[in-house]
Every structure is written in structure tokens, then in C-alpha cells.
Amino acid sequence: MNANGQPLSYDLIIQMLETMDMSFGEDGNSNAMLIVHPTTAEKIRNLPPPTEEQTRAWAKMIERKRREYNESRRVRHLS
């Protein structure tokens, strides 16, 4: 993803995750993993706490991705 010079933020991370397919385990938790350069990892650790709006956006995105994943698993394929 090209951030076009935007600084790293929770909004940008959510925007990036929106473009990815996610899978979920039997417990309903995402199996997603971010693999980033060590300097990017440090920047993520140093982000200020997410705002309430960002926390809601994160939860909404995860719930939508979970629903999409579950719906995709319900499709029966004829052989």
C-alpha cells in the first residue's frame, strides 16, 4: 500500500487492513499478522493510544471481516 507520505497512524493501519483478506480461527479471532520493518514496528509501538473513534472503526472493520469470512465458508461447491 502506498501511503502517499501520510504519517503512520491507526487510521492508516485500518485503511491498509481494509484491503486485505482475513481469516479467523474457530475461536472467532483473526489470524492476521502484520510483518513490518523494525523501524516501522517501533513507530507503531510509539503511536499514541487510539481515539474512541479509531477503536470503534477497528472493531467495526474486524466484525465486518469476520462476517465476510464466515459467509465465504458457508458457500457449498459442487464437484
N, C-alpha and C. Protein backbone atom coordinates (compact mmCIF):
# COMPACT_ATOMS: atom_id res chain seq x y z
N MET A 1 0.85 -1.18 0.00
CA MET A 1 0.00 0.00 0.00
C MET A 1 0.88 1.23 0.00
N ASN A 2 0.54 2.19 -0.80
CA ASN A 2 1.26 3.44 -0.85
C ASN A 2 0.52 4.47 0.00
N ALA A 3 1.16 4.92 1.06
CA ALA A 3 0.53 5.89 1.96
C ALA A 3 0.64 7.32 1.45
N ASN A 4 1.33 7.51 0.33
CA ASN A 4 1.47 8.85 -0.25
C ASN A 4 1.97 9.88 0.75
N GLY A 5 2.92 9.46 1.58
CA GLY A 5 3.53 10.40 2.51
C GLY A 5 2.77 10.63 3.80
N GLN A 6 1.62 9.97 3.96
CA GLN A 6 0.86 10.13 5.20
C GLN A 6 1.68 9.55 6.36
N PRO A 7 1.65 10.19 7.51
CA PRO A 7 2.34 9.61 8.66
C PRO A 7 1.61 8.36 9.15
N LEU A 8 2.36 7.46 9.75
CA LEU A 8 1.77 6.24 10.29
C LEU A 8 0.76 6.58 11.37
N SER A 9 -0.40 5.96 11.31
CA SER A 9 -1.46 6.22 12.29
C SER A 9 -2.38 5.00 12.33
N TYR A 10 -3.23 4.94 13.34
CA TYR A 10 -4.21 3.87 13.41
C TYR A 10 -5.15 3.93 12.22
N ASP A 11 -5.50 5.13 11.80
CA ASP A 11 -6.38 5.28 10.63
C ASP A 11 -5.75 4.64 9.40
N LEU A 12 -4.44 4.85 9.22
CA LEU A 12 -3.73 4.30 8.07
C LEU A 12 -3.65 2.77 8.18
N ILE A 13 -3.43 2.26 9.37
CA ILE A 13 -3.37 0.80 9.57
C ILE A 13 -4.73 0.18 9.26
N ILE A 14 -5.80 0.79 9.74
CA ILE A 14 -7.14 0.29 9.46
C ILE A 14 -7.41 0.33 7.96
N GLN A 15 -7.02 1.41 7.33
CA GLN A 15 -7.20 1.55 5.88
C GLN A 15 -6.45 0.43 5.14
N MET A 16 -5.24 0.10 5.58
CA MET A 16 -4.46 -0.95 4.95
C MET A 16 -5.14 -2.31 5.16
N LEU A 17 -5.59 -2.57 6.39
CA LEU A 17 -6.22 -3.85 6.69
C LEU A 17 -7.53 -4.03 5.94
N GLU A 18 -8.19 -2.92 5.62
CA GLU A 18 -9.43 -2.98 4.84
C GLU A 18 -9.19 -3.64 3.48
N THR A 19 -8.00 -3.52 2.94
CA THR A 19 -7.70 -4.05 1.61
C THR A 19 -7.30 -5.51 1.64
N MET A 20 -7.09 -6.07 2.84
CA MET A 20 -6.60 -7.44 2.97
C MET A 20 -7.73 -8.41 3.27
N ASP A 21 -7.57 -9.65 2.80
CA ASP A 21 -8.46 -10.73 3.22
C ASP A 21 -7.97 -11.18 4.59
N MET A 22 -8.89 -11.54 5.45
CA MET A 22 -8.54 -12.04 6.77
C MET A 22 -9.21 -13.38 6.98
N SER A 23 -8.52 -14.23 7.72
CA SER A 23 -9.12 -15.48 8.14
C SER A 23 -9.28 -15.45 9.65
N PHE A 24 -10.14 -16.30 10.14
CA PHE A 24 -10.45 -16.33 11.57
C PHE A 24 -10.44 -17.77 12.04
N GLY A 25 -9.94 -17.98 13.25
CA GLY A 25 -9.91 -19.31 13.83
C GLY A 25 -11.26 -19.73 14.36
N GLU A 26 -11.31 -20.95 14.86
CA GLU A 26 -12.55 -21.47 15.43
C GLU A 26 -13.05 -20.62 16.60
N ASP A 27 -12.12 -19.94 17.28
CA ASP A 27 -12.49 -19.08 18.41
C ASP A 27 -13.01 -17.72 17.98
N GLY A 28 -13.02 -17.46 16.65
CA GLY A 28 -13.53 -16.20 16.13
C GLY A 28 -12.50 -15.09 16.07
N ASN A 29 -11.28 -15.37 16.51
CA ASN A 29 -10.22 -14.36 16.49
C ASN A 29 -9.50 -14.38 15.15
N SER A 30 -9.06 -13.22 14.72
CA SER A 30 -8.36 -13.08 13.45
C SER A 30 -6.98 -13.74 13.53
N ASN A 31 -6.59 -14.32 12.41
CA ASN A 31 -5.26 -14.90 12.29
C ASN A 31 -4.31 -13.93 11.58
N ALA A 32 -4.74 -12.68 11.41
CA ALA A 32 -3.94 -11.69 10.69
C ALA A 32 -2.68 -11.35 11.47
N MET A 33 -1.62 -11.10 10.73
CA MET A 33 -0.35 -10.74 11.33
C MET A 33 0.29 -9.66 10.45
N LEU A 34 0.77 -8.62 11.09
CA LEU A 34 1.50 -7.59 10.36
C LEU A 34 2.98 -7.89 10.45
N ILE A 35 3.63 -7.95 9.32
CA ILE A 35 5.07 -8.13 9.29
C ILE A 35 5.64 -6.83 8.73
N VAL A 36 6.37 -6.13 9.56
CA VAL A 36 6.88 -4.81 9.19
C VAL A 36 8.36 -4.71 9.52
N HIS A 37 8.99 -3.75 8.93
CA HIS A 37 10.39 -3.45 9.21
C HIS A 37 10.52 -3.04 10.68
N PRO A 38 11.64 -3.34 11.32
CA PRO A 38 11.81 -2.97 12.73
C PRO A 38 11.58 -1.49 13.03
N THR A 39 11.95 -0.60 12.13
CA THR A 39 11.71 0.82 12.39
C THR A 39 10.22 1.14 12.35
N THR A 40 9.49 0.45 11.47
CA THR A 40 8.04 0.64 11.41
C THR A 40 7.39 0.07 12.67
N ALA A 41 7.88 -1.07 13.13
CA ALA A 41 7.35 -1.66 14.37
C ALA A 41 7.54 -0.69 15.54
N GLU A 42 8.67 -0.03 15.59
CA GLU A 42 8.93 0.93 16.66
C GLU A 42 7.97 2.12 16.55
N LYS A 43 7.71 2.56 15.33
CA LYS A 43 6.76 3.66 15.13
C LYS A 43 5.36 3.26 15.60
N ILE A 44 4.97 2.01 15.32
CA ILE A 44 3.66 1.53 15.75
C ILE A 44 3.59 1.50 17.28
N ARG A 45 4.65 1.01 17.92
CA ARG A 45 4.68 0.96 19.39
C ARG A 45 4.61 2.36 20.00
N ASN A 46 5.11 3.36 19.28
CA ASN A 46 5.15 4.73 19.80
C ASN A 46 3.93 5.57 19.44
N LEU A 47 2.97 4.97 18.75
CA LEU A 47 1.75 5.72 18.43
C LEU A 47 1.01 6.05 19.73
N PRO A 48 0.36 7.19 19.75
CA PRO A 48 -0.47 7.49 20.93
C PRO A 48 -1.64 6.50 20.99
N PRO A 49 -2.27 6.38 22.13
CA PRO A 49 -3.43 5.46 22.22
C PRO A 49 -4.48 5.84 21.17
N PRO A 50 -5.18 4.82 20.64
CA PRO A 50 -6.20 5.14 19.64
C PRO A 50 -7.34 5.93 20.28
N THR A 51 -7.95 6.76 19.46
CA THR A 51 -9.12 7.50 19.92
C THR A 51 -10.31 6.55 19.99
N GLU A 52 -11.38 6.99 20.64
CA GLU A 52 -12.60 6.17 20.69
C GLU A 52 -13.12 5.89 19.29
N GLU A 53 -13.04 6.90 18.43
CA GLU A 53 -13.50 6.73 17.05
C GLU A 53 -12.65 5.68 16.33
N GLN A 54 -11.34 5.70 16.54
CA GLN A 54 -10.47 4.71 15.91
C GLN A 54 -10.74 3.31 16.46
N THR A 55 -10.99 3.22 17.76
CA THR A 55 -11.30 1.93 18.38
C THR A 55 -12.59 1.38 17.81
N ARG A 56 -13.60 2.23 17.63
CA ARG A 56 -14.87 1.80 17.03
C ARG A 56 -14.67 1.38 15.58
N ALA A 57 -13.87 2.15 14.83
CA ALA A 57 -13.62 1.82 13.43
C ALA A 57 -12.90 0.47 13.32
N TRP A 58 -11.96 0.22 14.23
CA TRP A 58 -11.23 -1.06 14.25
C TRP A 58 -12.21 -2.20 14.51
N ALA A 59 -13.03 -2.07 15.54
CA ALA A 59 -13.98 -3.12 15.90
C ALA A 59 -14.97 -3.37 14.77
N LYS A 60 -15.43 -2.31 14.13
CA LYS A 60 -16.39 -2.42 13.03
C LYS A 60 -15.74 -3.14 11.84
N MET A 61 -14.49 -2.80 11.54
CA MET A 61 -13.79 -3.43 10.43
C MET A 61 -13.57 -4.91 10.72
N ILE A 62 -13.15 -5.27 11.94
CA ILE A 62 -12.91 -6.67 12.29
C ILE A 62 -14.22 -7.46 12.23
N GLU A 63 -15.29 -6.89 12.74
CA GLU A 63 -16.58 -7.59 12.71
C GLU A 63 -17.05 -7.82 11.28
N ARG A 64 -16.86 -6.81 10.41
CA ARG A 64 -17.26 -6.97 9.00
C ARG A 64 -16.41 -8.04 8.34
N LYS A 65 -15.09 -8.02 8.59
CA LYS A 65 -14.19 -9.02 8.01
C LYS A 65 -14.55 -10.42 8.52
N ARG A 66 -14.91 -10.54 9.80
CA ARG A 66 -15.31 -11.84 10.36
C ARG A 66 -16.57 -12.34 9.68
N ARG A 67 -17.55 -11.45 9.50
CA ARG A 67 -18.80 -11.82 8.85
C ARG A 67 -18.53 -12.27 7.40
N GLU A 68 -17.70 -11.51 6.68
CA GLU A 68 -17.36 -11.87 5.30
C GLU A 68 -16.66 -13.22 5.24
N TYR A 69 -15.76 -13.45 6.17
CA TYR A 69 -15.04 -14.73 6.21
C TYR A 69 -16.02 -15.88 6.47
N ASN A 70 -16.88 -15.70 7.45
CA ASN A 70 -17.85 -16.76 7.78
C ASN A 70 -18.80 -17.01 6.61
N GLU A 71 -19.23 -15.96 5.94
CA GLU A 71 -20.11 -16.12 4.79
C GLU A 71 -19.41 -16.86 3.66
N SER A 72 -18.13 -16.60 3.47
CA SER A 72 -17.39 -17.26 2.39
C SER A 72 -17.22 -18.75 2.68
N ARG A 73 -17.19 -19.13 3.93
CA ARG A 73 -17.03 -20.54 4.31
C ARG A 73 -18.34 -21.31 4.20
N ARG A 74 -19.46 -20.62 4.14
CA ARG A 74 -20.78 -21.28 4.05
C ARG A 74 -21.14 -21.66 2.62
N VAL A 75 -20.36 -21.21 1.66
CA VAL A 75 -20.66 -21.49 0.26
C VAL A 75 -20.32 -22.95 -0.04
N ARG A 76 -21.28 -23.66 -0.58
CA ARG A 76 -21.05 -25.05 -0.96
C ARG A 76 -20.62 -25.10 -2.40
N HIS A 77 -19.66 -25.95 -2.66
CA HIS A 77 -19.18 -26.11 -4.03
C HIS A 77 -19.56 -27.50 -4.51
N LEU A 78 -20.13 -27.59 -5.71
CA LEU A 78 -20.46 -28.87 -6.31
C LEU A 78 -19.23 -29.42 -6.99
N SER A 79 -19.03 -30.71 -6.86
CA SER A 79 -17.85 -31.29 -7.54
C SER A 79 -18.24 -32.02 -8.78
